[in-house]
Structures are given as C-alpha cells and as structure tokens.
C-alpha cells in the first residue's frame, strides 16, 4: 500500500467531491510533499460534491477514518496514512456516504506487510 502525501486525491462517493488535505507533520517528505499521519484526513473540507437538492445535504466534511492507517510506520507518535484510507462523510444519507483515495500523491514509497 502506498503512503499518502498532502497531494493525495481523496473523493467522496459521488466522485466529484474533493477532500482538501493538509499534513500535520513536517518531519518526513516524499517527492517534496509531507506524508499524512493519523487524523490528517479527518474533519477535512470537501468541495464540489454534486449531491444536493431538497432535503439532501452534500458532502462537506470527512468524518473519522475507519481503515487505512499503518500498524508498522509511525511519525512523531502518529500512524502513517495509507492509500487504503476510507471513512464516512457528513453527507446524506447519514452513515452511508464514504470517502476514498483515488491517488496517493506519490509513487515511490509503499508499506509491505
């Protein structure tokens, strides 16, 4: 699994909605970009989600990550985020709409079990 940088592409299940990312650590970089660590993908804004209408809320923020943090690699006491990251958004219907990784933001480093 590839390690995520702040250039990774994460989208909501509606495919157009893009998650805005920001790394919380500045110790480890890959291809000039900081790696993402535990909770970096959480609580992030989502822009351009096309899911809207009467009584429909578009995806606007990511919620807690359900899977996708490394159990082997840590930076500053936080687990590194992998390209298997997925969790829910705040869009409707509640508890159903996921966000996923489309591109990890780098192609050099990966974790192998």
PDB file of N, CA and C in Angstrom:
ATOM      1  N   UNK A   1       0.829  -1.171   0.000  1.00  0.00           N
ATOM      2  CA  UNK A   1       0.000   0.000   0.000  1.00  0.00           C
ATOM      3  C   UNK A   1       0.880   1.243   0.000  1.00  0.00           C
ATOM      4  N   UNK A   2       0.510   2.190  -0.820  1.00  0.00           N
ATOM      5  CA  UNK A   2       1.266   3.450  -0.918  1.00  0.00           C
ATOM      6  C   UNK A   2       0.981   4.344   0.285  1.00  0.00           C
ATOM      7  N   UNK A   3       1.990   5.153   0.648  1.00  0.00           N
ATOM      8  CA  UNK A   3       1.844   6.129   1.710  1.00  0.00           C
ATOM      9  C   UNK A   3       1.236   7.400   1.115  1.00  0.00           C
ATOM     10  N   UNK A   4       0.373   8.081   1.886  1.00  0.00           N
ATOM     11  CA  UNK A   4      -0.298   9.281   1.389  1.00  0.00           C
ATOM     12  C   UNK A   4       0.491  10.541   1.700  1.00  0.00           C
ATOM     13  N   UNK A   5       0.528  11.456   0.725  1.00  0.00           N
ATOM     14  CA  UNK A   5       1.083  12.795   0.945  1.00  0.00           C
ATOM     15  C   UNK A   5      -0.062  13.795   0.903  1.00  0.00           C
ATOM     16  N   UNK A   6       0.252  15.052   1.174  1.00  0.00           N
ATOM     17  CA  UNK A   6      -0.796  16.070   1.132  1.00  0.00           C
ATOM     18  C   UNK A   6      -1.250  16.380  -0.298  1.00  0.00           C
ATOM     19  N   UNK A   7      -0.619  15.759  -1.293  1.00  0.00           N
ATOM     20  CA  UNK A   7      -1.071  15.869  -2.687  1.00  0.00           C
ATOM     21  C   UNK A   7      -1.998  14.727  -3.099  1.00  0.00           C
ATOM     22  N   UNK A   8      -2.329  13.849  -2.174  1.00  0.00           N
ATOM     23  CA  UNK A   8      -3.210  12.721  -2.468  1.00  0.00           C
ATOM     24  C   UNK A   8      -4.577  13.234  -2.926  1.00  0.00           C
ATOM     25  N   UNK A   9      -5.255  12.413  -3.705  1.00  0.00           N
ATOM     26  CA  UNK A   9      -6.614  12.739  -4.142  1.00  0.00           C
ATOM     27  C   UNK A   9      -7.580  11.824  -3.399  1.00  0.00           C
ATOM     28  N   UNK A  10      -8.381  12.421  -2.543  1.00  0.00           N
ATOM     29  CA  UNK A  10      -9.449  11.716  -1.847  1.00  0.00           C
ATOM     30  C   UNK A  10     -10.760  12.307  -2.323  1.00  0.00           C
ATOM     31  N   UNK A  11     -11.731  11.447  -2.585  1.00  0.00           N
ATOM     32  CA  UNK A  11     -13.027  11.900  -3.093  1.00  0.00           C
ATOM     33  C   UNK A  11     -14.156  11.275  -2.280  1.00  0.00           C
ATOM     34  N   UNK A  12     -15.297  11.965  -2.278  1.00  0.00           N
ATOM     35  CA  UNK A  12     -16.486  11.365  -1.677  1.00  0.00           C
ATOM     36  C   UNK A  12     -17.049  10.359  -2.680  1.00  0.00           C
ATOM     37  N   UNK A  13     -17.984   9.555  -2.257  1.00  0.00           N
ATOM     38  CA  UNK A  13     -18.545   8.500  -3.106  1.00  0.00           C
ATOM     39  C   UNK A  13     -19.230   9.049  -4.352  1.00  0.00           C
ATOM     40  N   UNK A  14     -19.488  10.341  -4.376  1.00  0.00           N
ATOM     41  CA  UNK A  14     -20.115  10.953  -5.551  1.00  0.00           C
ATOM     42  C   UNK A  14     -19.067  11.323  -6.605  1.00  0.00           C
ATOM     43  N   UNK A  15     -17.811  10.953  -6.339  1.00  0.00           N
ATOM     44  CA  UNK A  15     -16.651  11.034  -7.236  1.00  0.00           C
ATOM     45  C   UNK A  15     -16.156  12.436  -7.576  1.00  0.00           C
ATOM     46  N   UNK A  16     -17.005  13.423  -7.599  1.00  0.00           N
ATOM     47  CA  UNK A  16     -16.556  14.776  -7.966  1.00  0.00           C
ATOM     48  C   UNK A  16     -16.076  15.538  -6.733  1.00  0.00           C
ATOM     49  N   UNK A  17     -16.669  15.252  -5.576  1.00  0.00           N
ATOM     50  CA  UNK A  17     -16.302  15.949  -4.352  1.00  0.00           C
ATOM     51  C   UNK A  17     -14.878  15.646  -3.939  1.00  0.00           C
ATOM     52  N   UNK A  18     -14.052  16.680  -3.820  1.00  0.00           N
ATOM     53  CA  UNK A  18     -12.635  16.523  -3.474  1.00  0.00           C
ATOM     54  C   UNK A  18     -12.354  16.944  -2.049  1.00  0.00           C
ATOM     55  N   UNK A  19     -11.573  16.128  -1.344  1.00  0.00           N
ATOM     56  CA  UNK A  19     -11.181  16.409   0.028  1.00  0.00           C
ATOM     57  C   UNK A  19      -9.936  17.294   0.010  1.00  0.00           C
ATOM     58  N   UNK A  20      -9.978  18.397   0.750  1.00  0.00           N
ATOM     59  CA  UNK A  20      -8.811  19.281   0.892  1.00  0.00           C
ATOM     60  C   UNK A  20      -7.948  18.750   2.022  1.00  0.00           C
ATOM     61  N   UNK A  21      -6.684  18.477   1.726  1.00  0.00           N
ATOM     62  CA  UNK A  21      -5.788  17.855   2.704  1.00  0.00           C
ATOM     63  C   UNK A  21      -4.721  18.821   3.187  1.00  0.00           C
ATOM     64  N   UNK A  22      -4.263  18.598   4.424  1.00  0.00           N
ATOM     65  CA  UNK A  22      -3.155  19.353   4.978  1.00  0.00           C
ATOM     66  C   UNK A  22      -2.425  18.450   5.960  1.00  0.00           C
ATOM     67  N   UNK A  23      -1.121  18.320   5.792  1.00  0.00           N
ATOM     68  CA  UNK A  23      -0.314  17.468   6.677  1.00  0.00           C
ATOM     69  C   UNK A  23      -0.070  18.180   8.004  1.00  0.00           C
ATOM     70  N   UNK A  24      -0.113  17.417   9.088  1.00  0.00           N
ATOM     71  CA  UNK A  24       0.140  17.987  10.414  1.00  0.00           C
ATOM     72  C   UNK A  24       1.585  17.786  10.865  1.00  0.00           C
ATOM     73  N   UNK A  25       2.370  17.049  10.073  1.00  0.00           N
ATOM     74  CA  UNK A  25       3.775  16.821  10.434  1.00  0.00           C
ATOM     75  C   UNK A  25       4.669  17.392   9.333  1.00  0.00           C
ATOM     76  N   UNK A  26       5.878  17.813   9.733  1.00  0.00           N
ATOM     77  CA  UNK A  26       6.833  18.376   8.779  1.00  0.00           C
ATOM     78  C   UNK A  26       8.202  17.716   8.919  1.00  0.00           C
ATOM     79  N   UNK A  27       8.216  16.444   9.351  1.00  0.00           N
ATOM     80  CA  UNK A  27       9.472  15.719   9.534  1.00  0.00           C
ATOM     81  C   UNK A  27       9.835  14.860   8.335  1.00  0.00           C
ATOM     82  N   UNK A  28       8.840  14.210   7.704  1.00  0.00           N
ATOM     83  CA  UNK A  28       9.109  13.254   6.634  1.00  0.00           C
ATOM     84  C   UNK A  28       8.374  13.675   5.370  1.00  0.00           C
ATOM     85  N   UNK A  29       9.162  13.795   4.291  1.00  0.00           N
ATOM     86  CA  UNK A  29       8.629  14.198   2.989  1.00  0.00           C
ATOM     87  C   UNK A  29       8.956  13.132   1.949  1.00  0.00           C
ATOM     88  N   UNK A  30       8.087  13.006   0.943  1.00  0.00           N
ATOM     89  CA  UNK A  30       8.328  12.133  -0.196  1.00  0.00           C
ATOM     90  C   UNK A  30       8.052  12.957  -1.439  1.00  0.00           C
ATOM     91  N   UNK A  31       8.992  12.963  -2.360  1.00  0.00           N
ATOM     92  CA  UNK A  31       8.861  13.765  -3.582  1.00  0.00           C
ATOM     93  C   UNK A  31       8.501  15.208  -3.251  1.00  0.00           C
ATOM     94  N   UNK A  32       9.082  15.724  -2.156  1.00  0.00           N
ATOM     95  CA  UNK A  32       8.875  17.112  -1.760  1.00  0.00           C
ATOM     96  C   UNK A  32       7.568  17.395  -1.050  1.00  0.00           C
ATOM     97  N   UNK A  33       6.780  16.356  -0.755  1.00  0.00           N
ATOM     98  CA  UNK A  33       5.483  16.535  -0.109  1.00  0.00           C
ATOM     99  C   UNK A  33       5.463  15.835   1.244  1.00  0.00           C
ATOM    100  N   UNK A  34       4.875  16.474   2.262  1.00  0.00           N
ATOM    101  CA  UNK A  34       4.815  15.824   3.582  1.00  0.00           C
ATOM    102  C   UNK A  34       3.838  14.659   3.585  1.00  0.00           C
ATOM    103  N   UNK A  35       4.206  13.602   4.307  1.00  0.00           N
ATOM    104  CA  UNK A  35       3.313  12.455   4.464  1.00  0.00           C
ATOM    105  C   UNK A  35       2.172  12.814   5.409  1.00  0.00           C
ATOM    106  N   UNK A  36       1.022  12.205   5.182  1.00  0.00           N
ATOM    107  CA  UNK A  36      -0.122  12.369   6.071  1.00  0.00           C
ATOM    108  C   UNK A  36      -0.040  11.335   7.182  1.00  0.00           C
ATOM    109  N   UNK A  37      -0.471  11.728   8.363  1.00  0.00           N
ATOM    110  CA  UNK A  37      -0.468  10.835   9.516  1.00  0.00           C
ATOM    111  C   UNK A  37      -1.860  10.791  10.144  1.00  0.00           C
ATOM    112  N   UNK A  38      -1.971   9.965  11.177  1.00  0.00           N
ATOM    113  CA  UNK A  38      -3.228   9.737  11.897  1.00  0.00           C
ATOM    114  C   UNK A  38      -3.978  11.042  12.157  1.00  0.00           C
ATOM    115  N   UNK A  39      -5.158  11.072  11.719  1.00  0.00           N
ATOM    116  CA  UNK A  39      -6.213  12.085  11.800  1.00  0.00           C
ATOM    117  C   UNK A  39      -6.075  13.229  10.796  1.00  0.00           C
ATOM    118  N   UNK A  40      -5.015  13.246   9.953  1.00  0.00           N
ATOM    119  CA  UNK A  40      -4.924  14.280   8.907  1.00  0.00           C
ATOM    120  C   UNK A  40      -6.108  14.235   7.931  1.00  0.00           C
ATOM    121  N   UNK A  41      -6.592  13.053   7.514  1.00  0.00           N
ATOM    122  CA  UNK A  41      -7.731  13.034   6.589  1.00  0.00           C
ATOM    123  C   UNK A  41      -9.087  13.284   7.264  1.00  0.00           C
ATOM    124  N   UNK A  42      -9.111  13.400   8.578  1.00  0.00           N
ATOM    125  CA  UNK A  42     -10.369  13.521   9.312  1.00  0.00           C
ATOM    126  C   UNK A  42     -10.747  14.981   9.548  1.00  0.00           C
ATOM    127  N   UNK A  43     -12.043  15.280   9.423  1.00  0.00           N
ATOM    128  CA  UNK A  43     -12.530  16.640   9.660  1.00  0.00           C
ATOM    129  C   UNK A  43     -12.132  17.623   8.580  1.00  0.00           C
ATOM    130  N   UNK A  44     -11.772  17.129   7.413  1.00  0.00           N
ATOM    131  CA  UNK A  44     -11.320  17.978   6.313  1.00  0.00           C
ATOM    132  C   UNK A  44     -12.497  18.411   5.436  1.00  0.00           C
ATOM    133  N   UNK A  45     -12.408  19.618   4.862  1.00  0.00           N
ATOM    134  CA  UNK A  45     -13.486  20.080   3.985  1.00  0.00           C
ATOM    135  C   UNK A  45     -13.526  19.316   2.662  1.00  0.00           C
ATOM    136  N   UNK A  46     -14.735  19.136   2.152  1.00  0.00           N
ATOM    137  CA  UNK A  46     -14.950  18.516   0.844  1.00  0.00           C
ATOM    138  C   UNK A  46     -15.599  19.577  -0.036  1.00  0.00           C
ATOM    139  N   UNK A  47     -15.030  19.796  -1.213  1.00  0.00           N
ATOM    140  CA  UNK A  47     -15.603  20.796  -2.114  1.00  0.00           C
ATOM    141  C   UNK A  47     -16.102  20.134  -3.395  1.00  0.00           C
ATOM    142  N   UNK A  48     -17.096  20.739  -3.989  1.00  0.00           N
ATOM    143  CA  UNK A  48     -17.658  20.340  -5.286  1.00  0.00           C
ATOM    144  C   UNK A  48     -18.481  19.060  -5.265  1.00  0.00           C
ATOM    145  N   UNK A  49     -18.969  18.631  -4.105  1.00  0.00           N
ATOM    146  CA  UNK A  49     -19.828  17.445  -4.083  1.00  0.00           C
ATOM    147  C   UNK A  49     -21.125  17.770  -4.820  1.00  0.00           C
ATOM    148  N   UNK A  50     -21.489  16.951  -5.815  1.00  0.00           N
ATOM    149  CA  UNK A  50     -22.685  17.228  -6.617  1.00  0.00           C
ATOM    150  C   UNK A  50     -23.991  16.737  -5.993  1.00  0.00           C
ATOM    151  N   UNK A  51     -23.918  16.110  -4.820  1.00  0.00           N
ATOM    152  CA  UNK A  51     -25.104  15.522  -4.199  1.00  0.00           C
ATOM    153  C   UNK A  51     -25.861  16.587  -3.396  1.00  0.00           C
ATOM    154  N   UNK A  52     -26.786  17.276  -4.032  1.00  0.00           N
ATOM    155  CA  UNK A  52     -27.572  18.282  -3.322  1.00  0.00           C
ATOM    156  C   UNK A  52     -28.976  18.341  -3.918  1.00  0.00           C
ATOM    157  N   UNK A  53     -29.868  18.919  -3.144  1.00  0.00           N
ATOM    158  CA  UNK A  53     -31.263  19.049  -3.559  1.00  0.00           C
ATOM    159  C   UNK A  53     -32.129  19.224  -2.330  1.00  0.00           C
ATOM    160  N   UNK A  54     -33.436  19.150  -2.519  1.00  0.00           N
ATOM    161  CA  UNK A  54     -34.373  19.284  -1.418  1.00  0.00           C
ATOM    162  C   UNK A  54     -34.143  18.136  -0.433  1.00  0.00           C
ATOM    163  N   UNK A  55     -33.894  18.475   0.816  1.00  0.00           N
ATOM    164  CA  UNK A  55     -33.656  17.509   1.899  1.00  0.00           C
ATOM    165  C   UNK A  55     -32.425  16.629   1.662  1.00  0.00           C
ATOM    166  N   UNK A  56     -31.510  17.066   0.800  1.00  0.00           N
ATOM    167  CA  UNK A  56     -30.266  16.334   0.563  1.00  0.00           C
ATOM    168  C   UNK A  56     -29.100  17.249   0.906  1.00  0.00           C
ATOM    169  N   UNK A  57     -28.230  16.785   1.774  1.00  0.00           N
ATOM    170  CA  UNK A  57     -27.054  17.553   2.169  1.00  0.00           C
ATOM    171  C   UNK A  57     -25.840  17.024   1.418  1.00  0.00           C
ATOM    172  N   UNK A  58     -25.126  17.894   0.699  1.00  0.00           N
ATOM    173  CA  UNK A  58     -23.909  17.433   0.025  1.00  0.00           C
ATOM    174  C   UNK A  58     -22.819  17.102   1.049  1.00  0.00           C
ATOM    175  N   UNK A  59     -21.847  16.334   0.628  1.00  0.00           N
ATOM    176  CA  UNK A  59     -20.699  16.022   1.483  1.00  0.00           C
ATOM    177  C   UNK A  59     -19.895  17.303   1.662  1.00  0.00           C
ATOM    178  N   UNK A  60     -19.691  17.716   2.913  1.00  0.00           N
ATOM    179  CA  UNK A  60     -18.943  18.939   3.193  1.00  0.00           C
ATOM    180  C   UNK A  60     -17.714  18.713   4.057  1.00  0.00           C
ATOM    181  N   UNK A  61     -17.703  17.605   4.819  1.00  0.00           N
ATOM    182  CA  UNK A  61     -16.564  17.301   5.684  1.00  0.00           C
ATOM    183  C   UNK A  61     -16.377  15.789   5.785  1.00  0.00           C
ATOM    184  N   UNK A  62     -15.123  15.402   5.981  1.00  0.00           N
ATOM    185  CA  UNK A  62     -14.833  13.987   6.248  1.00  0.00           C
ATOM    186  C   UNK A  62     -15.024  13.728   7.737  1.00  0.00           C
ATOM    187  N   UNK A  63     -15.417  12.530   8.053  1.00  0.00           N
ATOM    188  CA  UNK A  63     -15.535  12.101   9.443  1.00  0.00           C
ATOM    189  C   UNK A  63     -14.358  11.178   9.767  1.00  0.00           C
ATOM    190  N   UNK A  64     -14.428  10.461  10.842  1.00  0.00           N
ATOM    191  CA  UNK A  64     -13.333   9.599  11.300  1.00  0.00           C
ATOM    192  C   UNK A  64     -12.970   8.525  10.269  1.00  0.00           C
ATOM    193  N   UNK A  65     -11.685   8.256  10.141  1.00  0.00           N
ATOM    194  CA  UNK A  65     -11.193   7.195   9.273  1.00  0.00           C
ATOM    195  C   UNK A  65     -11.548   5.845   9.901  1.00  0.00           C
ATOM    196  N   UNK A  66     -12.120   4.940   9.093  1.00  0.00           N
ATOM    197  CA  UNK A  66     -12.470   3.601   9.581  1.00  0.00           C
ATOM    198  C   UNK A  66     -11.341   2.607   9.350  1.00  0.00           C
ATOM    199  N   UNK A  67     -10.558   2.823   8.295  1.00  0.00           N
ATOM    200  CA  UNK A  67      -9.420   1.948   7.996  1.00  0.00           C
ATOM    201  C   UNK A  67      -8.412   2.729   7.180  1.00  0.00           C
ATOM    202  N   UNK A  68      -7.151   2.267   7.221  1.00  0.00           N
ATOM    203  CA  UNK A  68      -6.154   2.860   6.354  1.00  0.00           C
ATOM    204  C   UNK A  68      -4.962   3.496   7.024  1.00  0.00           C
ATOM    205  N   UNK A  69      -4.802   3.299   8.341  1.00  0.00           N
ATOM    206  CA  UNK A  69      -3.591   3.773   8.995  1.00  0.00           C
ATOM    207  C   UNK A  69      -2.639   2.603   9.171  1.00  0.00           C
ATOM    208  N   UNK A  70      -1.353   2.870   8.989  1.00  0.00           N
ATOM    209  CA  UNK A  70      -0.337   1.832   9.113  1.00  0.00           C
ATOM    210  C   UNK A  70      -0.234   1.335  10.551  1.00  0.00           C
ATOM    211  N   UNK A  71       0.062   0.047  10.682  1.00  0.00           N
ATOM    212  CA  UNK A  71       0.362  -0.503  12.005  1.00  0.00           C
ATOM    213  C   UNK A  71       1.870  -0.652  12.180  1.00  0.00           C
ATOM    214  N   UNK A  72       2.631  -0.404  11.099  1.00  0.00           N
ATOM    215  CA  UNK A  72       4.086  -0.539  11.137  1.00  0.00           C
ATOM    216  C   UNK A  72       4.830   0.790  11.156  1.00  0.00           C
ATOM    217  N   UNK A  73       4.332   1.776  10.426  1.00  0.00           N
ATOM    218  CA  UNK A  73       5.042   3.049  10.252  1.00  0.00           C
ATOM    219  C   UNK A  73       4.391   4.165  11.060  1.00  0.00           C
ATOM    220  N   UNK A  74       5.234   4.849  11.824  1.00  0.00           N
ATOM    221  CA  UNK A  74       4.771   5.944  12.677  1.00  0.00           C
ATOM    222  C   UNK A  74       5.711   7.130  12.485  1.00  0.00           C
ATOM    223  N   UNK A  75       5.166   8.338  12.572  1.00  0.00           N
ATOM    224  CA  UNK A  75       5.968   9.568  12.537  1.00  0.00           C
ATOM    225  C   UNK A  75       5.517  10.424  13.714  1.00  0.00           C
ATOM    226  N   UNK A  76       6.452  10.754  14.593  1.00  0.00           N
ATOM    227  CA  UNK A  76       6.110  11.586  15.747  1.00  0.00           C
ATOM    228  C   UNK A  76       4.994  11.009  16.601  1.00  0.00           C
ATOM    229  N   UNK A  77       4.946   9.676  16.716  1.00  0.00           N
ATOM    230  CA  UNK A  77       3.934   9.026  17.543  1.00  0.00           C
ATOM    231  C   UNK A  77       2.583   8.858  16.873  1.00  0.00           C
ATOM    232  N   UNK A  78       2.496   9.181  15.569  1.00  0.00           N
ATOM    233  CA  UNK A  78       1.234   9.034  14.836  1.00  0.00           C
ATOM    234  C   UNK A  78       1.416   8.057  13.685  1.00  0.00           C
ATOM    235  N   UNK A  79       0.389   7.245  13.443  1.00  0.00           N
ATOM    236  CA  UNK A  79       0.431   6.274  12.361  1.00  0.00           C
ATOM    237  C   UNK A  79       0.386   6.966  11.005  1.00  0.00           C
ATOM    238  N   UNK A  80       1.123   6.442  10.035  1.00  0.00           N
ATOM    239  CA  UNK A  80       1.142   6.988   8.674  1.00  0.00           C
ATOM    240  C   UNK A  80      -0.136   6.565   7.944  1.00  0.00           C
ATOM    241  N   UNK A  81      -0.698   7.478   7.149  1.00  0.00           N
ATOM    242  CA  UNK A  81      -1.905   7.199   6.371  1.00  0.00           C
ATOM    243  C   UNK A  81      -1.528   6.474   5.078  1.00  0.00           C
ATOM    244  N   UNK A  82      -2.322   5.459   4.728  1.00  0.00           N
ATOM    245  CA  UNK A  82      -2.079   4.641   3.540  1.00  0.00           C
ATOM    246  C   UNK A  82      -3.170   4.868   2.496  1.00  0.00           C
ATOM    247  N   UNK A  83      -2.913   4.371   1.282  1.00  0.00           N
ATOM    248  CA  UNK A  83      -3.899   4.570   0.214  1.00  0.00           C
ATOM    249  C   UNK A  83      -5.155   3.714   0.384  1.00  0.00           C
ATOM    250  N   UNK A  84      -5.251   2.991   1.483  1.00  0.00           N
ATOM    251  CA  UNK A  84      -6.465   2.236   1.800  1.00  0.00           C
ATOM    252  C   UNK A  84      -7.394   3.029   2.728  1.00  0.00           C
ATOM    253  N   UNK A  85      -7.055   4.295   3.002  1.00  0.00           N
ATOM    254  CA  UNK A  85      -7.876   5.132   3.879  1.00  0.00           C
ATOM    255  C   UNK A  85      -9.294   5.220   3.341  1.00  0.00           C
ATOM    256  N   UNK A  86     -10.248   5.014   4.249  1.00  0.00           N
ATOM    257  CA  UNK A  86     -11.657   5.230   3.924  1.00  0.00           C
ATOM    258  C   UNK A  86     -12.416   5.532   5.207  1.00  0.00           C
ATOM    259  N   UNK A  87     -13.431   6.337   5.062  1.00  0.00           N
ATOM    260  CA  UNK A  87     -14.273   6.708   6.193  1.00  0.00           C
ATOM    261  C   UNK A  87     -15.559   7.303   5.655  1.00  0.00           C
ATOM    262  N   UNK A  88     -16.377   7.839   6.539  1.00  0.00           N
ATOM    263  CA  UNK A  88     -17.652   8.413   6.135  1.00  0.00           C
ATOM    264  C   UNK A  88     -17.557   9.928   5.999  1.00  0.00           C
ATOM    265  N   UNK A  89     -18.496  10.499   5.235  1.00  0.00           N
ATOM    266  CA  UNK A  89     -18.632  11.947   5.132  1.00  0.00           C
ATOM    267  C   UNK A  89     -19.867  12.371   5.923  1.00  0.00           C
ATOM    268  N   UNK A  90     -20.091  13.680   6.003  1.00  0.00           N
ATOM    269  CA  UNK A  90     -21.276  14.200   6.685  1.00  0.00           C
ATOM    270  C   UNK A  90     -22.462  14.367   5.730  1.00  0.00           C
ATOM    271  N   UNK A  91     -22.343  13.859   4.492  1.00  0.00           N
ATOM    272  CA  UNK A  91     -23.422  13.989   3.510  1.00  0.00           C
ATOM    273  C   UNK A  91     -24.573  13.042   3.779  1.00  0.00           C
ATOM    274  N   UNK A  92     -25.665  13.246   3.047  1.00  0.00           N
ATOM    275  CA  UNK A  92     -26.835  12.377   3.205  1.00  0.00           C
ATOM    276  C   UNK A  92     -26.820  11.274   2.168  1.00  0.00           C
ATOM    277  N   UNK A  93     -27.350  10.117   2.511  1.00  0.00           N
ATOM    278  CA  UNK A  93     -27.919   9.769   3.814  1.00  0.00           C
ATOM    279  C   UNK A  93     -26.820   9.572   4.862  1.00  0.00           C
ATOM    280  N   UNK A  94     -27.080   9.986   6.107  1.00  0.00           N
ATOM    281  CA  UNK A  94     -26.072   9.880   7.169  1.00  0.00           C
ATOM    282  C   UNK A  94     -25.601   8.443   7.377  1.00  0.00           C
ATOM    283  N   UNK A  95     -24.299   8.292   7.620  1.00  0.00           N
ATOM    284  CA  UNK A  95     -23.732   6.985   7.914  1.00  0.00           C
ATOM    285  C   UNK A  95     -23.586   6.065   6.725  1.00  0.00           C
ATOM    286  N   UNK A  96     -23.697   6.598   5.498  1.00  0.00           N
ATOM    287  CA  UNK A  96     -23.643   5.767   4.300  1.00  0.00           C
ATOM    288  C   UNK A  96     -22.568   6.216   3.321  1.00  0.00           C
ATOM    289  N   UNK A  97     -22.419   7.517   3.105  1.00  0.00           N
ATOM    290  CA  UNK A  97     -21.540   8.040   2.069  1.00  0.00           C
ATOM    291  C   UNK A  97     -20.080   8.018   2.532  1.00  0.00           C
ATOM    292  N   UNK A  98     -19.234   7.306   1.804  1.00  0.00           N
ATOM    293  CA  UNK A  98     -17.814   7.186   2.153  1.00  0.00           C
ATOM    294  C   UNK A  98     -16.937   8.130   1.346  1.00  0.00           C
ATOM    295  N   UNK A  99     -15.734   8.359   1.865  1.00  0.00           N
ATOM    296  CA  UNK A  99     -14.660   8.977   1.078  1.00  0.00           C
ATOM    297  C   UNK A  99     -13.561   7.936   0.929  1.00  0.00           C
ATOM    298  N   UNK A 100     -12.859   7.982  -0.208  1.00  0.00           N
ATOM    299  CA  UNK A 100     -11.825   7.006  -0.529  1.00  0.00           C
ATOM    300  C   UNK A 100     -10.668   7.697  -1.228  1.00  0.00           C
ATOM    301  N   UNK A 101      -9.559   6.991  -1.356  1.00  0.00           N
ATOM    302  CA  UNK A 101      -8.360   7.505  -2.031  1.00  0.00           C
ATOM    303  C   UNK A 101      -8.407   7.122  -3.506  1.00  0.00           C
ATOM    304  N   UNK A 102      -8.142   8.080  -4.372  1.00  0.00           N
ATOM    305  CA  UNK A 102      -8.022   7.805  -5.807  1.00  0.00           C
ATOM    306  C   UNK A 102      -6.560   7.831  -6.251  1.00  0.00           C
ATOM    307  N   UNK A 103      -5.759   8.709  -5.673  1.00  0.00           N
ATOM    308  CA  UNK A 103      -4.321   8.805  -5.956  1.00  0.00           C
ATOM    309  C   UNK A 103      -3.598   9.078  -4.640  1.00  0.00           C
ATOM    310  N   UNK A 104      -2.475   8.394  -4.364  1.00  0.00           N
ATOM    311  CA  UNK A 104      -1.790   8.579  -3.088  1.00  0.00           C
ATOM    312  C   UNK A 104      -0.943   9.852  -2.991  1.00  0.00           C
ATOM    313  N   UNK A 105      -0.681  10.513  -4.110  1.00  0.00           N
ATOM    314  CA  UNK A 105       0.137  11.728  -4.071  1.00  0.00           C
ATOM    315  C   UNK A 105       1.613  11.472  -4.277  1.00  0.00           C
ATOM    316  N   UNK A 106       2.022  10.204  -4.351  1.00  0.00           N
ATOM    317  CA  UNK A 106       3.412   9.833  -4.626  1.00  0.00           C
ATOM    318  C   UNK A 106       3.427   8.376  -5.051  1.00  0.00           C
ATOM    319  N   UNK A 107       4.492   7.981  -5.740  1.00  0.00           N
ATOM    320  CA  UNK A 107       4.588   6.608  -6.232  1.00  0.00           C
ATOM    321  C   UNK A 107       5.864   5.889  -5.779  1.00  0.00           C
ATOM    322  N   UNK A 108       6.653   6.510  -4.905  1.00  0.00           N
ATOM    323  CA  UNK A 108       7.939   5.911  -4.506  1.00  0.00           C
ATOM    324  C   UNK A 108       7.843   4.962  -3.314  1.00  0.00           C
ATOM    325  N   UNK A 109       7.115   5.356  -2.286  1.00  0.00           N
ATOM    326  CA  UNK A 109       7.118   4.569  -1.047  1.00  0.00           C
ATOM    327  C   UNK A 109       5.816   3.822  -0.847  1.00  0.00           C
ATOM    328  N   UNK A 110       5.977   2.585  -0.361  1.00  0.00           N
ATOM    329  CA  UNK A 110       4.809   1.790  -0.012  1.00  0.00           C
ATOM    330  C   UNK A 110       5.134   0.923   1.183  1.00  0.00           C
ATOM    331  N   UNK A 111       4.094   0.514   1.882  1.00  0.00           N
ATOM    332  CA  UNK A 111       4.228  -0.386   3.015  1.00  0.00           C
ATOM    333  C   UNK A 111       3.897  -1.791   2.535  1.00  0.00           C
ATOM    334  N   UNK A 112       4.766  -2.727   2.866  1.00  0.00           N
ATOM    335  CA  UNK A 112       4.512  -4.129   2.533  1.00  0.00           C
ATOM    336  C   UNK A 112       4.434  -4.913   3.820  1.00  0.00           C
ATOM    337  N   UNK A 113       3.372  -5.698   3.976  1.00  0.00           N
ATOM    338  CA  UNK A 113       3.212  -6.473   5.214  1.00  0.00           C
ATOM    339  C   UNK A 113       4.259  -7.564   5.338  1.00  0.00           C
TER     340      UNK A 113
END
